[in-house]
N, C-alpha and C. Protein backbone atom coordinates (compact mmCIF):
# COMPACT_ATOMS: atom_id res chain seq x y z
N MET A 1 49.77 63.01 11.13
CA MET A 1 49.50 61.72 11.84
C MET A 1 50.31 60.50 11.40
N GLU A 2 50.66 60.50 10.03
CA GLU A 2 51.34 59.34 9.43
C GLU A 2 52.71 59.34 9.95
N ARG A 3 53.23 60.47 10.06
CA ARG A 3 54.59 60.67 10.44
C ARG A 3 54.94 60.35 11.82
N SER A 4 54.22 60.60 12.72
CA SER A 4 54.19 60.25 13.98
C SER A 4 54.12 58.67 14.22
N ARG A 5 53.35 58.02 13.45
CA ARG A 5 53.25 56.63 13.46
C ARG A 5 54.65 55.89 13.21
N ASN A 6 55.18 56.51 12.21
CA ASN A 6 56.32 55.98 11.37
C ASN A 6 57.31 56.23 12.59
N ASP A 7 57.46 57.30 13.14
CA ASP A 7 58.63 57.72 14.11
C ASP A 7 58.40 56.61 15.52
N VAL A 8 57.24 56.26 15.67
CA VAL A 8 57.09 55.39 16.93
C VAL A 8 57.47 54.02 16.23
N TRP A 9 57.45 53.54 15.14
CA TRP A 9 57.84 52.37 14.56
C TRP A 9 59.34 52.35 14.63
N VAL A 10 59.93 53.25 13.97
CA VAL A 10 61.45 53.50 14.09
C VAL A 10 62.05 53.45 15.50
N GLY A 11 61.31 54.12 16.45
CA GLY A 11 61.93 54.19 17.70
C GLY A 11 61.83 52.76 18.26
N LEU A 12 60.67 52.14 18.11
CA LEU A 12 60.80 50.69 18.56
C LEU A 12 61.83 49.84 18.13
N PHE A 13 62.05 49.98 16.72
CA PHE A 13 63.01 49.11 16.30
C PHE A 13 64.45 49.44 16.78
N VAL A 14 64.55 50.87 17.06
CA VAL A 14 65.96 51.15 17.33
C VAL A 14 66.36 50.62 19.01
N VAL A 15 65.12 50.83 19.61
CA VAL A 15 65.04 50.13 21.15
C VAL A 15 65.53 48.78 21.14
N LEU A 16 64.90 48.05 20.20
CA LEU A 16 65.20 46.43 20.03
C LEU A 16 66.41 46.10 19.71
N GLY A 17 66.93 46.78 18.60
CA GLY A 17 68.25 46.78 18.29
C GLY A 17 69.30 47.15 19.41
N LEU A 18 69.16 47.97 20.10
CA LEU A 18 69.83 48.36 20.88
C LEU A 18 69.90 47.40 22.21
N ALA A 19 68.75 46.70 22.66
CA ALA A 19 68.50 45.72 23.49
C ALA A 19 69.33 44.37 23.04
N ALA A 20 69.16 44.17 21.84
CA ALA A 20 69.84 42.83 21.37
C ALA A 20 71.23 43.14 21.34
N ILE A 21 71.90 44.13 20.95
CA ILE A 21 73.20 44.55 21.10
C ILE A 21 73.80 44.51 22.57
N LEU A 22 73.13 44.87 23.34
CA LEU A 22 73.52 44.89 24.73
C LEU A 22 73.50 43.42 25.39
N PHE A 23 72.38 42.79 24.94
CA PHE A 23 72.37 41.18 25.25
C PHE A 23 73.49 40.48 24.64
N LEU A 24 74.05 40.66 23.45
CA LEU A 24 75.11 39.86 22.79
C LEU A 24 76.30 40.29 23.39
N ALA A 25 76.46 41.53 23.96
CA ALA A 25 77.70 42.01 24.63
C ALA A 25 77.82 41.34 26.17
N LEU A 26 76.98 41.38 26.68
CA LEU A 26 76.76 40.87 27.97
C LEU A 26 76.96 39.28 27.82
N LYS A 27 76.37 38.47 26.92
CA LYS A 27 76.68 37.17 27.08
C LYS A 27 77.90 36.77 26.35
N SER A 28 78.42 37.40 25.32
CA SER A 28 79.80 37.20 25.14
C SER A 28 80.85 37.30 25.94
N ALA A 29 80.55 38.42 27.18
CA ALA A 29 81.65 38.57 28.02
C ALA A 29 81.43 37.69 29.37
N ASN A 30 80.62 36.63 29.14
CA ASN A 30 80.21 35.82 30.28
C ASN A 30 79.58 36.61 31.53
N LEU A 31 78.92 37.62 31.18
CA LEU A 31 78.34 38.45 32.43
C LEU A 31 76.93 38.28 32.50
N LEU A 32 76.43 37.32 31.56
CA LEU A 32 74.91 37.00 31.63
C LEU A 32 74.63 35.61 31.39
N SER A 33 74.08 34.97 32.28
CA SER A 33 73.67 33.55 31.95
C SER A 33 72.06 33.37 32.24
N LEU A 34 71.45 32.92 31.12
CA LEU A 34 70.00 32.68 31.34
C LEU A 34 69.70 31.10 31.66
N SER A 35 70.09 30.95 32.94
CA SER A 35 69.84 29.41 33.54
C SER A 35 68.95 29.70 34.61
N PHE A 36 67.68 28.82 34.42
CA PHE A 36 66.78 29.08 35.43
C PHE A 36 66.81 27.60 36.28
N GLU A 37 67.76 26.98 36.16
CA GLU A 37 68.02 25.73 36.86
C GLU A 37 68.65 25.98 38.24
N SER A 38 68.25 25.16 39.19
CA SER A 38 68.88 25.44 40.68
C SER A 38 70.28 24.67 40.49
N ASP A 39 71.11 25.15 41.46
CA ASP A 39 72.57 24.60 41.36
C ASP A 39 72.86 24.07 42.89
N TYR A 40 74.04 23.48 42.68
CA TYR A 40 74.64 23.16 44.01
C TYR A 40 76.22 23.67 44.08
N ARG A 41 76.66 23.75 45.23
CA ARG A 41 78.02 24.44 45.34
C ARG A 41 79.03 23.48 45.81
N VAL A 42 80.21 23.35 45.21
CA VAL A 42 81.12 22.49 45.70
C VAL A 42 82.47 23.40 45.70
N THR A 43 83.33 23.16 46.45
CA THR A 43 84.68 23.84 46.50
C THR A 43 86.15 22.84 46.26
N ALA A 44 86.98 23.44 45.73
CA ALA A 44 88.18 22.96 45.40
C ALA A 44 89.41 23.85 45.67
N LYS A 45 90.66 23.50 46.04
CA LYS A 45 91.72 24.25 46.33
C LYS A 45 92.82 23.80 45.09
N PHE A 46 93.28 25.00 44.58
CA PHE A 46 94.45 24.83 43.62
C PHE A 46 95.52 25.63 43.83
N ASP A 47 96.66 25.01 43.61
CA ASP A 47 97.98 25.75 43.86
C ASP A 47 98.01 27.04 43.00
N ASN A 48 97.52 27.03 41.69
CA ASN A 48 97.54 28.25 40.92
C ASN A 48 96.35 28.35 39.93
N VAL A 49 95.52 29.36 40.04
CA VAL A 49 94.44 29.29 39.16
C VAL A 49 94.71 30.12 37.65
N GLY A 50 95.82 30.64 37.80
CA GLY A 50 96.50 31.33 36.43
C GLY A 50 95.28 32.31 36.09
N GLY A 51 94.80 32.38 35.20
CA GLY A 51 93.85 33.55 34.74
C GLY A 51 92.26 33.28 34.84
N LEU A 52 91.97 32.23 35.64
CA LEU A 52 90.60 31.77 35.95
C LEU A 52 89.96 32.98 36.58
N LYS A 53 88.65 33.29 36.12
CA LYS A 53 87.79 34.42 36.59
C LYS A 53 86.35 33.85 37.06
N PRO A 54 85.91 34.63 38.12
CA PRO A 54 84.60 34.21 38.43
C PRO A 54 83.66 34.40 37.08
N ARG A 55 82.73 33.44 37.07
CA ARG A 55 81.65 33.41 36.05
C ARG A 55 82.32 32.53 34.89
N ALA A 56 83.57 32.20 35.10
CA ALA A 56 84.08 31.32 33.83
C ALA A 56 83.25 29.95 33.90
N ALA A 57 83.28 29.37 32.65
CA ALA A 57 82.41 28.24 32.64
C ALA A 57 83.13 26.94 33.32
N VAL A 58 82.33 26.14 33.61
CA VAL A 58 82.84 24.64 34.12
C VAL A 58 82.31 23.73 33.13
N LYS A 59 82.98 22.88 32.51
CA LYS A 59 82.65 21.98 31.62
C LYS A 59 82.96 20.70 31.82
N SER A 60 82.07 19.65 31.13
CA SER A 60 82.43 18.28 31.30
C SER A 60 82.25 17.88 29.86
N ALA A 61 83.18 17.07 29.17
CA ALA A 61 83.10 16.73 27.83
C ALA A 61 82.63 17.69 26.94
N GLY A 62 83.10 18.93 26.97
CA GLY A 62 82.72 20.09 26.34
C GLY A 62 81.47 20.80 26.39
N VAL A 63 80.50 20.34 27.55
CA VAL A 63 79.17 20.87 27.77
C VAL A 63 79.37 21.78 28.99
N VAL A 64 78.94 22.99 29.05
CA VAL A 64 78.80 23.80 30.15
C VAL A 64 77.77 23.27 31.22
N VAL A 65 78.48 22.79 32.24
CA VAL A 65 77.32 22.12 33.55
C VAL A 65 77.36 23.01 34.69
N GLY A 66 78.06 24.22 34.61
CA GLY A 66 78.05 25.04 35.65
C GLY A 66 79.02 26.42 35.61
N ARG A 67 79.12 27.27 36.56
CA ARG A 67 79.88 28.35 36.57
C ARG A 67 80.81 28.54 37.70
N VAL A 68 81.97 28.99 37.61
CA VAL A 68 82.78 29.48 38.72
C VAL A 68 82.23 30.59 39.51
N GLU A 69 81.92 30.30 40.71
CA GLU A 69 81.03 31.43 41.73
C GLU A 69 82.11 32.45 42.30
N SER A 70 83.04 31.81 42.70
CA SER A 70 84.04 32.93 43.47
C SER A 70 85.38 32.00 43.33
N ILE A 71 86.27 33.15 43.66
CA ILE A 71 87.95 32.59 43.70
C ILE A 71 88.41 33.57 44.95
N THR A 72 88.82 32.88 46.09
CA THR A 72 89.62 33.44 47.24
C THR A 72 90.73 32.93 47.63
N PHE A 73 91.41 33.40 48.52
CA PHE A 73 92.96 33.02 48.81
C PHE A 73 92.66 32.39 50.15
N ASP A 74 93.08 31.08 50.55
CA ASP A 74 93.16 30.52 51.75
C ASP A 74 94.38 30.82 52.50
N ASP A 75 94.49 31.68 53.43
CA ASP A 75 95.84 32.07 54.01
C ASP A 75 96.37 30.88 55.07
N LYS A 76 95.72 29.87 55.16
CA LYS A 76 96.05 28.68 56.00
C LYS A 76 97.01 27.85 55.06
N SER A 77 96.33 27.38 54.02
CA SER A 77 97.23 26.69 53.11
C SER A 77 97.83 27.14 51.90
N PHE A 78 97.65 28.55 51.84
CA PHE A 78 98.45 29.20 50.73
C PHE A 78 98.17 28.82 49.46
N GLN A 79 96.65 28.56 49.19
CA GLN A 79 96.10 27.96 48.00
C GLN A 79 94.82 28.97 47.44
N ALA A 80 94.47 28.58 46.29
CA ALA A 80 93.23 29.40 45.82
C ALA A 80 92.08 28.46 46.14
N LEU A 81 91.26 28.94 46.78
CA LEU A 81 89.98 28.31 46.98
C LEU A 81 88.93 28.66 45.95
N VAL A 82 88.48 27.97 45.25
CA VAL A 82 87.58 28.17 44.12
C VAL A 82 86.06 27.42 44.47
N THR A 83 84.93 28.23 44.40
CA THR A 83 83.73 27.74 44.66
C THR A 83 82.91 27.70 43.06
N LEU A 84 82.54 26.29 42.90
CA LEU A 84 81.81 26.01 41.62
C LEU A 84 80.34 25.91 41.88
N ALA A 85 79.63 26.62 41.06
CA ALA A 85 77.99 26.38 41.22
C ALA A 85 77.54 25.54 39.98
N LEU A 86 77.27 24.27 40.20
CA LEU A 86 77.11 23.33 39.20
C LEU A 86 75.47 23.17 39.26
N GLU A 87 75.06 22.96 38.08
CA GLU A 87 73.53 22.56 37.83
C GLU A 87 73.03 21.39 38.44
N THR A 88 72.03 21.28 39.21
CA THR A 88 71.56 20.11 39.80
C THR A 88 71.23 18.93 38.90
N ARG A 89 70.80 19.32 37.39
CA ARG A 89 70.66 17.98 36.70
C ARG A 89 71.85 17.25 36.18
N TYR A 90 73.00 17.85 36.56
CA TYR A 90 74.15 17.07 36.37
C TYR A 90 74.82 16.52 37.70
N ALA A 91 74.87 15.27 37.76
CA ALA A 91 75.37 14.70 38.95
C ALA A 91 76.65 14.24 38.68
N PHE A 92 77.72 14.31 39.55
CA PHE A 92 79.14 13.88 39.19
C PHE A 92 79.42 13.07 40.45
N PRO A 93 80.33 11.96 40.30
CA PRO A 93 80.71 11.25 41.48
C PRO A 93 81.61 11.87 42.35
N LYS A 94 81.65 11.50 43.62
CA LYS A 94 82.57 12.12 44.64
C LYS A 94 84.00 12.27 44.31
N ASP A 95 84.49 11.02 43.48
CA ASP A 95 85.94 11.07 43.34
C ASP A 95 86.33 11.48 41.79
N SER A 96 85.52 12.56 41.46
CA SER A 96 85.49 13.36 40.17
C SER A 96 87.02 14.12 40.48
N SER A 97 87.60 14.71 39.27
CA SER A 97 88.69 15.32 39.40
C SER A 97 88.65 16.95 38.68
N LEU A 98 89.25 17.64 38.83
CA LEU A 98 88.92 19.14 38.23
C LEU A 98 90.39 19.69 37.79
N LYS A 99 90.30 20.28 36.62
CA LYS A 99 91.60 20.61 35.92
C LYS A 99 91.00 22.08 35.48
N ILE A 100 91.99 23.02 35.56
CA ILE A 100 91.96 24.31 34.96
C ILE A 100 92.47 24.27 33.62
N LEU A 101 91.59 24.43 32.61
CA LEU A 101 91.99 24.29 31.16
C LEU A 101 92.07 25.61 30.42
N THR A 102 92.61 25.73 29.21
CA THR A 102 92.30 26.71 28.29
C THR A 102 91.88 26.69 26.91
N SER A 103 90.76 27.58 26.61
CA SER A 103 90.24 27.26 25.38
C SER A 103 91.14 27.87 24.30
N GLY A 104 91.63 26.72 23.51
CA GLY A 104 92.55 27.22 22.56
C GLY A 104 94.00 27.37 23.19
N LEU A 105 94.77 28.07 22.30
CA LEU A 105 96.29 28.37 22.64
C LEU A 105 96.44 29.66 23.63
N LEU A 106 95.80 30.52 23.55
CA LEU A 106 95.69 31.64 24.47
C LEU A 106 94.22 32.02 24.82
N GLY A 107 93.44 31.36 24.72
CA GLY A 107 92.18 31.39 24.98
C GLY A 107 91.67 31.77 26.55
N GLU A 108 90.37 31.92 26.74
CA GLU A 108 89.96 32.12 28.21
C GLU A 108 90.20 30.75 28.91
N GLN A 109 90.20 30.88 30.23
CA GLN A 109 90.50 29.61 31.17
C GLN A 109 89.10 29.35 31.71
N TYR A 110 89.03 27.98 31.80
CA TYR A 110 87.69 27.29 32.42
C TYR A 110 87.96 26.03 33.29
N VAL A 111 87.11 25.65 34.05
CA VAL A 111 87.22 24.49 34.91
C VAL A 111 86.65 23.36 34.14
N GLY A 112 87.42 22.06 33.83
CA GLY A 112 87.10 20.96 33.19
C GLY A 112 86.89 19.80 34.55
N ILE A 113 85.72 18.99 34.22
CA ILE A 113 85.60 18.22 35.40
C ILE A 113 85.57 16.73 34.54
N GLU A 114 86.39 15.80 35.28
CA GLU A 114 86.68 14.61 34.77
C GLU A 114 85.81 13.60 35.68
N PRO A 115 84.82 12.84 35.36
CA PRO A 115 83.99 12.32 36.30
C PRO A 115 84.91 10.83 36.74
N GLY A 116 84.59 10.58 37.75
CA GLY A 116 85.30 9.45 38.60
C GLY A 116 84.36 8.16 38.53
N ALA A 117 84.41 7.24 39.26
CA ALA A 117 83.68 6.03 39.08
C ALA A 117 82.93 5.53 40.53
N GLU A 118 82.94 6.53 41.67
CA GLU A 118 82.45 6.15 42.73
C GLU A 118 80.64 6.26 42.50
N ASP A 119 79.92 5.45 43.45
CA ASP A 119 78.62 5.55 43.32
C ASP A 119 77.95 6.59 43.90
N LYS A 120 78.47 7.20 44.91
CA LYS A 120 78.13 8.57 45.47
C LYS A 120 78.37 9.69 44.77
N SER A 121 77.25 10.54 44.54
CA SER A 121 77.44 11.78 43.82
C SER A 121 77.90 12.99 44.80
N LEU A 122 78.30 14.03 44.04
CA LEU A 122 78.76 15.41 44.89
C LEU A 122 77.49 15.96 45.39
N GLN A 123 77.46 16.47 46.46
CA GLN A 123 76.52 17.03 47.05
C GLN A 123 76.74 18.62 47.44
N SER A 124 75.93 19.32 47.53
CA SER A 124 76.30 20.65 47.90
C SER A 124 77.13 20.81 49.35
N GLY A 125 78.12 21.59 49.30
CA GLY A 125 79.14 21.79 50.30
C GLY A 125 80.25 20.77 50.26
N ASP A 126 80.31 19.84 49.39
CA ASP A 126 81.54 18.97 49.24
C ASP A 126 82.76 19.39 48.71
N LYS A 127 83.91 18.98 48.97
CA LYS A 127 85.08 19.53 48.74
C LYS A 127 85.74 18.39 47.55
N VAL A 128 86.03 18.91 46.65
CA VAL A 128 86.93 18.01 45.61
C VAL A 128 88.36 18.16 45.76
N SER A 129 89.03 17.12 46.29
CA SER A 129 90.42 17.19 46.42
C SER A 129 91.33 16.82 45.40
N ALA A 130 90.83 16.05 44.42
CA ALA A 130 91.85 15.75 43.12
C ALA A 130 91.72 16.85 42.08
N THR A 131 92.64 17.78 42.25
CA THR A 131 92.82 18.91 41.40
C THR A 131 94.10 19.23 40.52
N GLN A 132 94.02 19.77 39.57
CA GLN A 132 95.29 19.98 38.81
C GLN A 132 95.14 21.52 38.40
N SER A 133 96.22 22.30 38.70
CA SER A 133 96.51 23.72 38.54
C SER A 133 96.44 23.91 37.09
N ALA A 134 96.41 25.39 36.91
CA ALA A 134 96.50 25.79 35.38
C ALA A 134 98.05 25.72 35.12
N VAL A 135 98.05 25.61 33.87
CA VAL A 135 99.41 25.41 33.22
C VAL A 135 99.46 26.90 32.72
N VAL A 136 100.76 27.50 33.34
CA VAL A 136 101.01 28.99 33.06
C VAL A 136 102.15 28.88 31.96
N LEU A 137 101.82 29.72 30.79
CA LEU A 137 102.68 29.68 29.66
C LEU A 137 103.96 30.04 30.01
N GLU A 138 104.15 31.28 30.79
CA GLU A 138 105.42 31.61 30.91
C GLU A 138 106.29 30.70 31.91
N ASN A 139 105.71 29.97 32.68
CA ASN A 139 106.42 29.04 33.35
C ASN A 139 107.13 27.88 32.42
N LEU A 140 106.24 27.48 31.68
CA LEU A 140 106.56 26.40 30.54
C LEU A 140 107.71 26.96 29.62
N ILE A 141 107.56 28.14 29.21
CA ILE A 141 108.83 28.85 28.52
C ILE A 141 109.99 28.88 29.29
N GLY A 142 110.01 29.46 30.31
CA GLY A 142 111.07 29.58 31.29
C GLY A 142 111.71 28.18 31.62
N GLN A 143 111.06 26.90 31.84
CA GLN A 143 111.47 25.67 31.96
C GLN A 143 112.23 25.14 30.73
N PHE A 144 111.73 25.61 29.48
CA PHE A 144 112.30 24.98 28.21
C PHE A 144 113.54 25.67 28.15
N ILE A 145 113.77 27.17 28.22
CA ILE A 145 114.81 27.83 28.06
C ILE A 145 115.91 27.47 29.09
N TYR A 146 115.40 27.23 30.35
CA TYR A 146 116.47 26.67 31.37
C TYR A 146 116.76 25.58 31.09
N GLY A 147 115.97 24.47 30.69
CA GLY A 147 116.58 23.36 30.32
C GLY A 147 117.51 23.18 29.14
N LYS A 148 117.27 24.05 28.03
CA LYS A 148 118.13 24.01 26.89
C LYS A 148 119.61 24.65 27.35
N ALA A 149 119.55 25.60 28.44
CA ALA A 149 120.68 26.18 28.77
C ALA A 149 121.49 25.16 29.52
N ALA A 150 121.01 24.29 30.21
CA ALA A 150 121.56 23.46 31.12
C ALA A 150 122.15 22.43 30.39
N ASP A 151 121.31 21.81 29.21
CA ASP A 151 122.00 20.77 28.34
C ASP A 151 123.14 21.35 27.70
N GLY A 152 123.18 22.77 27.08
CA GLY A 152 124.20 23.15 26.36
C GLY A 152 125.44 23.26 27.19
N GLY A 153 125.39 23.60 28.28
CA GLY A 153 126.71 23.77 29.21
C GLY A 153 127.16 22.43 29.75
N ALA A 154 126.32 21.34 29.86
CA ALA A 154 126.88 20.30 30.49
C ALA A 154 127.64 19.25 29.56
N GLY A 155 127.23 19.44 28.09
CA GLY A 155 128.10 18.55 27.26
C GLY A 155 129.20 19.13 26.97
N LYS A 156 130.24 18.26 26.11
CA LYS A 156 131.68 18.73 25.93
C LYS A 156 131.49 19.86 24.83
N ALA A 157 132.55 20.78 24.61
CA ALA A 157 132.36 21.58 23.56
C ALA A 157 132.71 20.95 22.16
N PRO A 158 132.04 21.61 21.19
CA PRO A 158 131.94 20.93 19.89
C PRO A 158 133.40 20.91 19.42
N ALA A 159 133.80 20.03 18.44
CA ALA A 159 135.21 20.09 17.80
C ALA A 159 135.16 21.12 16.93
N PRO A 160 136.43 21.80 16.79
CA PRO A 160 136.52 22.84 15.71
C PRO A 160 136.38 22.22 14.16
N ALA A 161 135.88 23.08 13.24
CA ALA A 161 135.68 22.68 11.82
C ALA A 161 136.72 22.11 11.28
N GLY A 162 136.55 21.02 10.41
CA GLY A 162 137.87 20.33 9.70
C GLY A 162 138.55 19.29 10.66
N THR A 163 138.25 19.23 12.03
CA THR A 163 139.08 18.24 12.97
C THR A 163 138.00 17.25 13.37
N GLN A 164 138.46 16.04 13.29
CA GLN A 164 137.65 14.83 13.90
C GLN A 164 138.06 14.50 15.26
């Protein structure tokens, strides 16, 4: 009888441990959010979303204020249409701007909100027009290399050593 009681306790702790590991894995992969706040949706168009993914964080002043709900392609404007789900407890002015930023040098991408100064707040269904696309590291490196190659070929050739 004592052995079966110990088996039940060990089994209970194993199940709790597995549930905790599953919870941490889902939370770290941004696949689980435990927010019971209601939210409102706004949309924005970006020329390039880089590696932004659905469920990515939406942050203002470093605080998560919502999540990216969906990313689609608008075949009329040839831009990415991003839908954001913002928590209702956070009200942002209508003239706020959105940027796609990166956590660290090579970290995950998120949407940053910079509040504007207008009196009216964003409502569900509004479109944010002031956007700044993601900075793609490969494009920056290419521009840097192209700029250095152009500078090297445009100047006069260096004088041979020993002559002035």
